[in-house]
Amino acid sequence: NDWLVGGLGSGQVSVLSQAHGGASHSHKLEF
């Protein structure tokens, strides 16, 4: 995607759908 959009010339590029890290832990329990 970065290579494709680079063909249009210089500009301010941002991601449309942000990727997130694949952490295995999804919940935190405190007691």
PDB file of all heavy atoms in Angstrom:
ATOM      1  N   ASN A   1       0.813  -1.213   0.000  1.00  0.00           N
ATOM      2  CA  ASN A   1       0.000   0.000   0.000  1.00  0.00           C
ATOM      3  C   ASN A   1       0.848   1.266   0.000  1.00  0.00           C
ATOM      4  O   ASN A   1       0.531   2.240  -0.684  1.00  0.00           O
ATOM      5  CB  ASN A   1      -0.946   0.001   1.211  1.00  0.00           C
ATOM      6  CG  ASN A   1      -2.224  -0.775   0.935  1.00  0.00           C
ATOM      7  OD1 ASN A   1      -2.735  -0.757  -0.175  1.00  0.00           O
ATOM      8  ND2 ASN A   1      -2.722  -1.455   1.943  1.00  0.00           N
ATOM      9  N   ASP A   2       1.931   1.261   0.769  1.00  0.00           N
ATOM     10  CA  ASP A   2       2.815   2.429   0.784  1.00  0.00           C
ATOM     11  C   ASP A   2       3.484   2.615  -0.573  1.00  0.00           C
ATOM     12  O   ASP A   2       3.672   3.750  -1.036  1.00  0.00           O
ATOM     13  CB  ASP A   2       3.873   2.288   1.883  1.00  0.00           C
ATOM     14  CG  ASP A   2       3.310   2.582   3.261  1.00  0.00           C
ATOM     15  OD1 ASP A   2       2.553   3.554   3.387  1.00  0.00           O
ATOM     16  OD2 ASP A   2       3.622   1.832   4.205  1.00  0.00           O
ATOM     17  N   TRP A   3       3.856   1.487  -1.207  1.00  0.00           N
ATOM     18  CA  TRP A   3       4.470   1.578  -2.530  1.00  0.00           C
ATOM     19  C   TRP A   3       3.470   2.121  -3.553  1.00  0.00           C
ATOM     20  O   TRP A   3       3.810   2.971  -4.389  1.00  0.00           O
ATOM     21  CB  TRP A   3       4.968   0.201  -2.963  1.00  0.00           C
ATOM     22  CG  TRP A   3       5.454   0.175  -4.382  1.00  0.00           C
ATOM     23  CD1 TRP A   3       6.623   0.690  -4.864  1.00  0.00           C
ATOM     24  CD2 TRP A   3       4.760  -0.378  -5.511  1.00  0.00           C
ATOM     25  NE1 TRP A   3       6.707   0.490  -6.228  1.00  0.00           N
ATOM     26  CE2 TRP A   3       5.578  -0.159  -6.648  1.00  0.00           C
ATOM     27  CE3 TRP A   3       3.549  -1.017  -5.661  1.00  0.00           C
ATOM     28  CZ2 TRP A   3       5.203  -0.574  -7.923  1.00  0.00           C
ATOM     29  CZ3 TRP A   3       3.163  -1.435  -6.930  1.00  0.00           C
ATOM     30  CH2 TRP A   3       3.996  -1.215  -8.039  1.00  0.00           C
ATOM     31  N   LEU A   4       2.236   1.653  -3.494  1.00  0.00           N
ATOM     32  CA  LEU A   4       1.221   2.114  -4.441  1.00  0.00           C
ATOM     33  C   LEU A   4       0.959   3.612  -4.311  1.00  0.00           C
ATOM     34  O   LEU A   4       0.981   4.349  -5.294  1.00  0.00           O
ATOM     35  CB  LEU A   4      -0.085   1.352  -4.226  1.00  0.00           C
ATOM     36  CG  LEU A   4      -0.187  -0.053  -4.814  1.00  0.00           C
ATOM     37  CD1 LEU A   4      -1.472  -0.738  -4.345  1.00  0.00           C
ATOM     38  CD2 LEU A   4      -0.139  -0.010  -6.332  1.00  0.00           C
ATOM     39  N   VAL A   5       0.713   4.069  -3.079  1.00  0.00           N
ATOM     40  CA  VAL A   5       0.378   5.470  -2.884  1.00  0.00           C
ATOM     41  C   VAL A   5       1.576   6.370  -3.169  1.00  0.00           C
ATOM     42  O   VAL A   5       1.418   7.547  -3.522  1.00  0.00           O
ATOM     43  CB  VAL A   5      -0.183   5.699  -1.461  1.00  0.00           C
ATOM     44  CG1 VAL A   5       0.920   5.782  -0.431  1.00  0.00           C
ATOM     45  CG2 VAL A   5      -1.080   6.922  -1.410  1.00  0.00           C
ATOM     46  N   GLY A   6       2.793   5.827  -3.063  1.00  0.00           N
ATOM     47  CA  GLY A   6       3.989   6.611  -3.351  1.00  0.00           C
ATOM     48  C   GLY A   6       4.086   7.042  -4.800  1.00  0.00           C
ATOM     49  O   GLY A   6       4.779   8.015  -5.114  1.00  0.00           O
ATOM     50  N   GLY A   7       3.384   6.348  -5.694  1.00  0.00           N
ATOM     51  CA  GLY A   7       3.419   6.705  -7.107  1.00  0.00           C
ATOM     52  C   GLY A   7       2.725   8.011  -7.421  1.00  0.00           C
ATOM     53  O   GLY A   7       2.886   8.561  -8.515  1.00  0.00           O
ATOM     54  N   LEU A   8       1.962   8.542  -6.480  1.00  0.00           N
ATOM     55  CA  LEU A   8       1.227   9.789  -6.721  1.00  0.00           C
ATOM     56  C   LEU A   8       2.039  11.019  -6.345  1.00  0.00           C
ATOM     57  O   LEU A   8       1.608  12.136  -6.576  1.00  0.00           O
ATOM     58  CB  LEU A   8      -0.078   9.776  -5.921  1.00  0.00           C
ATOM     59  CG  LEU A   8      -1.093   8.739  -6.406  1.00  0.00           C
ATOM     60  CD1 LEU A   8      -2.128   8.477  -5.325  1.00  0.00           C
ATOM     61  CD2 LEU A   8      -1.760   9.218  -7.681  1.00  0.00           C
ATOM     62  N   GLY A   9       3.196  10.810  -5.740  1.00  0.00           N
ATOM     63  CA  GLY A   9       4.028  11.936  -5.341  1.00  0.00           C
ATOM     64  C   GLY A   9       4.063  12.083  -3.829  1.00  0.00           C
ATOM     65  O   GLY A   9       3.404  11.350  -3.093  1.00  0.00           O
ATOM     66  N   SER A  10       4.836  13.051  -3.364  1.00  0.00           N
ATOM     67  CA  SER A  10       5.016  13.231  -1.928  1.00  0.00           C
ATOM     68  C   SER A  10       3.744  13.774  -1.276  1.00  0.00           C
ATOM     69  O   SER A  10       2.995  14.543  -1.876  1.00  0.00           O
ATOM     70  CB  SER A  10       6.189  14.177  -1.654  1.00  0.00           C
ATOM     71  OG  SER A  10       5.934  15.454  -2.224  1.00  0.00           O
ATOM     72  N   GLY A  11       3.524  13.358  -0.054  1.00  0.00           N
ATOM     73  CA  GLY A  11       2.349  13.813   0.674  1.00  0.00           C
ATOM     74  C   GLY A  11       2.360  13.276   2.087  1.00  0.00           C
ATOM     75  O   GLY A  11       3.261  12.529   2.478  1.00  0.00           O
ATOM     76  N   GLN A  12       1.363  13.649   2.856  1.00  0.00           N
ATOM     77  CA  GLN A  12       1.223  13.170   4.225  1.00  0.00           C
ATOM     78  C   GLN A  12       0.371  11.915   4.190  1.00  0.00           C
ATOM     79  O   GLN A  12      -0.818  11.960   3.897  1.00  0.00           O
ATOM     80  CB  GLN A  12       0.575  14.239   5.097  1.00  0.00           C
ATOM     81  CG  GLN A  12       0.601  13.900   6.556  1.00  0.00           C
ATOM     82  CD  GLN A  12       0.733  15.138   7.426  1.00  0.00           C
ATOM     83  OE1 GLN A  12       0.564  16.241   6.968  1.00  0.00           O
ATOM     84  NE2 GLN A  12       1.027  14.929   8.687  1.00  0.00           N
ATOM     85  N   VAL A  13       1.005  10.764   4.504  1.00  0.00           N
ATOM     86  CA  VAL A  13       0.339   9.466   4.385  1.00  0.00           C
ATOM     87  C   VAL A  13      -0.072   8.966   5.765  1.00  0.00           C
ATOM     88  O   VAL A  13       0.710   9.019   6.719  1.00  0.00           O
ATOM     89  CB  VAL A  13       1.267   8.431   3.708  1.00  0.00           C
ATOM     90  CG1 VAL A  13       0.581   7.070   3.627  1.00  0.00           C
ATOM     91  CG2 VAL A  13       1.657   8.910   2.313  1.00  0.00           C
ATOM     92  N   SER A  14      -1.311   8.506   5.868  1.00  0.00           N
ATOM     93  CA  SER A  14      -1.792   7.910   7.113  1.00  0.00           C
ATOM     94  C   SER A  14      -2.493   6.595   6.799  1.00  0.00           C
ATOM     95  O   SER A  14      -2.915   6.353   5.670  1.00  0.00           O
ATOM     96  CB  SER A  14      -2.749   8.862   7.849  1.00  0.00           C
ATOM     97  OG  SER A  14      -3.857   9.197   7.021  1.00  0.00           O
ATOM     98  N   VAL A  15      -2.600   5.743   7.806  1.00  0.00           N
ATOM     99  CA  VAL A  15      -3.228   4.425   7.653  1.00  0.00           C
ATOM    100  C   VAL A  15      -4.733   4.549   7.838  1.00  0.00           C
ATOM    101  O   VAL A  15      -5.199   5.227   8.761  1.00  0.00           O
ATOM    102  CB  VAL A  15      -2.646   3.430   8.676  1.00  0.00           C
ATOM    103  CG1 VAL A  15      -3.359   2.092   8.601  1.00  0.00           C
ATOM    104  CG2 VAL A  15      -1.155   3.259   8.447  1.00  0.00           C
ATOM    105  N   LEU A  16      -5.503   3.897   6.976  1.00  0.00           N
ATOM    106  CA  LEU A  16      -6.959   3.963   7.076  1.00  0.00           C
ATOM    107  C   LEU A  16      -7.499   3.032   8.153  1.00  0.00           C
ATOM    108  O   LEU A  16      -8.385   3.397   8.919  1.00  0.00           O
ATOM    109  CB  LEU A  16      -7.589   3.608   5.726  1.00  0.00           C
ATOM    110  CG  LEU A  16      -7.406   4.632   4.608  1.00  0.00           C
ATOM    111  CD1 LEU A  16      -7.995   4.109   3.310  1.00  0.00           C
ATOM    112  CD2 LEU A  16      -8.070   5.954   4.986  1.00  0.00           C
ATOM    113  N   SER A  17      -6.994   1.827   8.214  1.00  0.00           N
ATOM    114  CA  SER A  17      -7.447   0.846   9.203  1.00  0.00           C
ATOM    115  C   SER A  17      -6.236   0.381  10.005  1.00  0.00           C
ATOM    116  O   SER A  17      -5.449  -0.436   9.534  1.00  0.00           O
ATOM    117  CB  SER A  17      -8.134  -0.345   8.514  1.00  0.00           C
ATOM    118  OG  SER A  17      -8.573  -1.293   9.462  1.00  0.00           O
ATOM    119  N   GLN A  18      -6.079   0.919  11.196  1.00  0.00           N
ATOM    120  CA  GLN A  18      -4.887   0.704  12.017  1.00  0.00           C
ATOM    121  C   GLN A  18      -4.734  -0.756  12.443  1.00  0.00           C
ATOM    122  O   GLN A  18      -5.672  -1.381  12.916  1.00  0.00           O
ATOM    123  CB  GLN A  18      -4.961   1.585  13.256  1.00  0.00           C
ATOM    124  CG  GLN A  18      -3.815   1.447  14.217  1.00  0.00           C
ATOM    125  CD  GLN A  18      -2.515   1.943  13.630  1.00  0.00           C
ATOM    126  OE1 GLN A  18      -2.388   3.095  13.255  1.00  0.00           O
ATOM    127  NE2 GLN A  18      -1.537   1.055  13.546  1.00  0.00           N
ATOM    128  N   ALA A  19      -3.527  -1.290  12.264  1.00  0.00           N
ATOM    129  CA  ALA A  19      -3.217  -2.642  12.756  1.00  0.00           C
ATOM    130  C   ALA A  19      -2.809  -2.566  14.217  1.00  0.00           C
ATOM    131  O   ALA A  19      -2.265  -1.560  14.676  1.00  0.00           O
ATOM    132  CB  ALA A  19      -2.096  -3.263  11.925  1.00  0.00           C
ATOM    133  N   HIS A  20      -3.096  -3.630  14.939  1.00  0.00           N
ATOM    134  CA  HIS A  20      -2.763  -3.689  16.358  1.00  0.00           C
ATOM    135  C   HIS A  20      -1.927  -4.924  16.657  1.00  0.00           C
ATOM    136  O   HIS A  20      -1.985  -5.916  15.931  1.00  0.00           O
ATOM    137  CB  HIS A  20      -4.031  -3.706  17.221  1.00  0.00           C
ATOM    138  CG  HIS A  20      -4.819  -2.448  17.140  1.00  0.00           C
ATOM    139  ND1 HIS A  20      -5.645  -2.141  16.070  1.00  0.00           N
ATOM    140  CD2 HIS A  20      -4.899  -1.381  17.990  1.00  0.00           C
ATOM    141  CE1 HIS A  20      -6.197  -0.956  16.269  1.00  0.00           C
ATOM    142  NE2 HIS A  20      -5.763  -0.482  17.424  1.00  0.00           N
ATOM    143  N   GLY A  21      -1.152  -4.841  17.726  1.00  0.00           N
ATOM    144  CA  GLY A  21      -0.321  -5.967  18.132  1.00  0.00           C
ATOM    145  C   GLY A  21      -1.167  -7.159  18.540  1.00  0.00           C
ATOM    146  O   GLY A  21      -2.274  -6.999  19.061  1.00  0.00           O
ATOM    147  N   GLY A  22      -0.638  -8.350  18.315  1.00  0.00           N
ATOM    148  CA  GLY A  22      -1.392  -9.562  18.594  1.00  0.00           C
ATOM    149  C   GLY A  22      -1.103 -10.135  19.964  1.00  0.00           C
ATOM    150  O   GLY A  22      -0.694 -11.285  20.073  1.00  0.00           O
ATOM    151  N   ALA A  23      -1.288  -9.353  21.031  1.00  0.00           N
ATOM    152  CA  ALA A  23      -1.029  -9.848  22.382  1.00  0.00           C
ATOM    153  C   ALA A  23      -1.998 -10.980  22.721  1.00  0.00           C
ATOM    154  O   ALA A  23      -3.182 -10.918  22.400  1.00  0.00           O
ATOM    155  CB  ALA A  23      -1.180  -8.717  23.391  1.00  0.00           C
ATOM    156  N   SER A  24      -1.482 -12.018  23.382  1.00  0.00           N
ATOM    157  CA  SER A  24      -2.309 -13.179  23.696  1.00  0.00           C
ATOM    158  C   SER A  24      -3.242 -12.928  24.878  1.00  0.00           C
ATOM    159  O   SER A  24      -4.276 -13.566  24.997  1.00  0.00           O
ATOM    160  CB  SER A  24      -1.425 -14.397  23.997  1.00  0.00           C
ATOM    161  OG  SER A  24      -0.557 -14.122  25.083  1.00  0.00           O
ATOM    162  N   HIS A  25      -2.872 -11.988  25.779  1.00  0.00           N
ATOM    163  CA  HIS A  25      -3.692 -11.720  26.952  1.00  0.00           C
ATOM    164  C   HIS A  25      -4.709 -10.615  26.655  1.00  0.00           C
ATOM    165  O   HIS A  25      -4.354  -9.549  26.163  1.00  0.00           O
ATOM    166  CB  HIS A  25      -2.824 -11.332  28.139  1.00  0.00           C
ATOM    167  CG  HIS A  25      -1.959 -12.460  28.609  1.00  0.00           C
ATOM    168  ND1 HIS A  25      -0.789 -12.283  29.291  1.00  0.00           N
ATOM    169  CD2 HIS A  25      -2.094 -13.807  28.489  1.00  0.00           C
ATOM    170  CE1 HIS A  25      -0.235 -13.450  29.567  1.00  0.00           C
ATOM    171  NE2 HIS A  25      -1.015 -14.378  29.086  1.00  0.00           N
ATOM    172  N   SER A  26      -5.980 -10.897  26.966  1.00  0.00           N
ATOM    173  CA  SER A  26      -7.036  -9.955  26.621  1.00  0.00           C
ATOM    174  C   SER A  26      -7.703  -9.336  27.844  1.00  0.00           C
ATOM    175  O   SER A  26      -8.426  -8.369  27.708  1.00  0.00           O
ATOM    176  CB  SER A  26      -8.101 -10.661  25.781  1.00  0.00           C
ATOM    177  OG  SER A  26      -8.685 -11.730  26.514  1.00  0.00           O
ATOM    178  N   HIS A  27      -7.498  -9.914  29.044  1.00  0.00           N
ATOM    179  CA  HIS A  27      -8.152  -9.395  30.239  1.00  0.00           C
ATOM    180  C   HIS A  27      -7.179  -9.333  31.425  1.00  0.00           C
ATOM    181  O   HIS A  27      -6.246 -10.133  31.501  1.00  0.00           O
ATOM    182  CB  HIS A  27      -9.356 -10.263  30.621  1.00  0.00           C
ATOM    183  CG  HIS A  27     -10.483 -10.162  29.650  1.00  0.00           C
ATOM    184  ND1 HIS A  27     -10.524 -10.887  28.474  1.00  0.00           N
ATOM    185  CD2 HIS A  27     -11.610  -9.406  29.681  1.00  0.00           C
ATOM    186  CE1 HIS A  27     -11.637 -10.588  27.823  1.00  0.00           C
ATOM    187  NE2 HIS A  27     -12.308  -9.703  28.524  1.00  0.00           N
ATOM    188  N   LYS A  28      -7.442  -8.382  32.302  1.00  0.00           N
ATOM    189  CA  LYS A  28      -6.651  -8.250  33.524  1.00  0.00           C
ATOM    190  C   LYS A  28      -7.597  -8.347  34.716  1.00  0.00           C
ATOM    191  O   LYS A  28      -8.604  -7.623  34.789  1.00  0.00           O
ATOM    192  CB  LYS A  28      -5.912  -6.906  33.541  1.00  0.00           C
ATOM    193  CG  LYS A  28      -5.008  -6.692  34.753  1.00  0.00           C
ATOM    194  CD  LYS A  28      -4.273  -5.365  34.635  1.00  0.00           C
ATOM    195  CE  LYS A  28      -3.320  -5.156  35.793  1.00  0.00           C
ATOM    196  NZ  LYS A  28      -2.590  -3.868  35.683  1.00  0.00           N
ATOM    197  N   LEU A  29      -7.288  -9.242  35.641  1.00  0.00           N
ATOM    198  CA  LEU A  29      -8.084  -9.435  36.850  1.00  0.00           C
ATOM    199  C   LEU A  29      -7.276  -8.949  38.045  1.00  0.00           C
ATOM    200  O   LEU A  29      -6.122  -9.343  38.227  1.00  0.00           O
ATOM    201  CB  LEU A  29      -8.446 -10.911  37.046  1.00  0.00           C
ATOM    202  CG  LEU A  29      -9.537 -11.509  36.151  1.00  0.00           C
ATOM    203  CD1 LEU A  29      -9.105 -11.559  34.695  1.00  0.00           C
ATOM    204  CD2 LEU A  29      -9.905 -12.913  36.624  1.00  0.00           C
ATOM    205  N   GLU A  30      -7.873  -8.084  38.854  1.00  0.00           N
ATOM    206  CA  GLU A  30      -7.213  -7.575  40.048  1.00  0.00           C
ATOM    207  C   GLU A  30      -8.049  -7.948  41.268  1.00  0.00           C
ATOM    208  O   GLU A  30      -9.277  -7.785  41.267  1.00  0.00           O
ATOM    209  CB  GLU A  30      -7.025  -6.059  39.951  1.00  0.00           C
ATOM    210  CG  GLU A  30      -6.071  -5.635  38.835  1.00  0.00           C
ATOM    211  CD  GLU A  30      -5.824  -4.144  38.803  1.00  0.00           C
ATOM    212  OE1 GLU A  30      -6.694  -3.399  39.314  1.00  0.00           O
ATOM    213  OE2 GLU A  30      -4.782  -3.720  38.281  1.00  0.00           O
ATOM    214  N   PHE A  31      -7.374  -8.460  42.294  1.00  0.00           N
ATOM    215  CA  PHE A  31      -8.070  -8.881  43.501  1.00  0.00           C
ATOM    216  C   PHE A  31      -7.085  -8.900  44.668  1.00  0.00           C
ATOM    217  O   PHE A  31      -5.890  -8.640  44.497  1.00  0.00           O
ATOM    218  CB  PHE A  31      -8.699 -10.272  43.319  1.00  0.00           C
ATOM    219  CG  PHE A  31      -7.722 -11.344  42.920  1.00  0.00           C
ATOM    220  CD1 PHE A  31      -7.111 -12.154  43.872  1.00  0.00           C
ATOM    221  CD2 PHE A  31      -7.403 -11.556  41.576  1.00  0.00           C
ATOM    222  CE1 PHE A  31      -6.209 -13.145  43.511  1.00  0.00           C
ATOM    223  CE2 PHE A  31      -6.492 -12.540  41.204  1.00  0.00           C
ATOM    224  CZ  PHE A  31      -5.901 -13.339  42.169  1.00  0.00           C
TER     225      PHE A  31
END
